[in-house]
């Protein structure tokens, strides 16, 4: 199975491929760290006390 990252890298020119891969991986890591915080805040704001 081909990942989305591999498909994106396939269409990027060779001159900027390393920079593009680095930015993509950095954003993936940041998204993995910030995503649960944002989704937790959204869930908490709509949580009905039981």
Protein backbone atom coordinates (compact mmCIF):
# COMPACT_ATOMS: atom_id res chain seq x y z
CA UNK A 1 0.00 0.00 0.00
CA UNK A 2 1.38 3.39 -1.00
CA UNK A 3 1.17 6.13 1.59
CA UNK A 4 0.01 9.67 0.92
CA UNK A 5 3.50 10.97 1.64
CA UNK A 6 4.98 8.79 -1.09
CA UNK A 7 2.40 10.03 -3.58
CA UNK A 8 3.12 13.66 -2.71
CA UNK A 9 6.89 13.17 -2.99
CA UNK A 10 6.36 11.54 -6.40
CA UNK A 11 5.04 14.80 -7.88
CA UNK A 12 7.61 17.16 -6.33
CA UNK A 13 10.66 18.26 -8.37
CA UNK A 14 13.96 16.68 -7.34
CA UNK A 15 15.50 20.05 -6.49
CA UNK A 16 13.18 20.56 -3.51
CA UNK A 17 12.39 16.95 -2.63
CA UNK A 18 14.45 16.84 0.58
CA UNK A 19 13.02 20.11 1.87
CA UNK A 20 9.49 19.02 1.01
CA UNK A 21 9.89 15.70 2.80
CA UNK A 22 11.29 17.46 5.87
CA UNK A 23 8.44 19.97 6.02
CA UNK A 24 5.85 17.24 5.48
CA UNK A 25 7.26 15.10 8.30
CA UNK A 26 7.54 18.10 10.63
CA UNK A 27 3.90 19.05 10.02
CA UNK A 28 2.86 15.41 10.52
CA UNK A 29 4.58 15.32 13.91
CA UNK A 30 3.19 18.70 14.97
CA UNK A 31 -0.29 17.65 13.87
CA UNK A 32 -0.01 14.46 15.89
CA UNK A 33 0.90 16.48 18.96
CA UNK A 34 -1.65 19.28 18.58
CA UNK A 35 -4.54 17.24 17.12
CA UNK A 36 -5.52 15.47 20.35
CA UNK A 37 -5.40 18.75 22.26
CA UNK A 38 -7.74 20.46 19.81
CA UNK A 39 -10.11 17.50 19.59
CA UNK A 40 -10.13 17.20 23.39
CA UNK A 41 -11.07 20.87 23.73
CA UNK A 42 -13.86 20.45 21.19
CA UNK A 43 -15.16 17.31 22.90
CA UNK A 44 -15.03 19.00 26.30
CA UNK A 45 -16.98 22.01 25.08
CA UNK A 46 -19.80 19.78 23.80
CA UNK A 47 -19.70 17.28 26.67
CA UNK A 48 -22.98 17.02 28.53
CA UNK A 49 -22.53 16.41 32.27
CA UNK A 50 -23.99 13.09 33.35
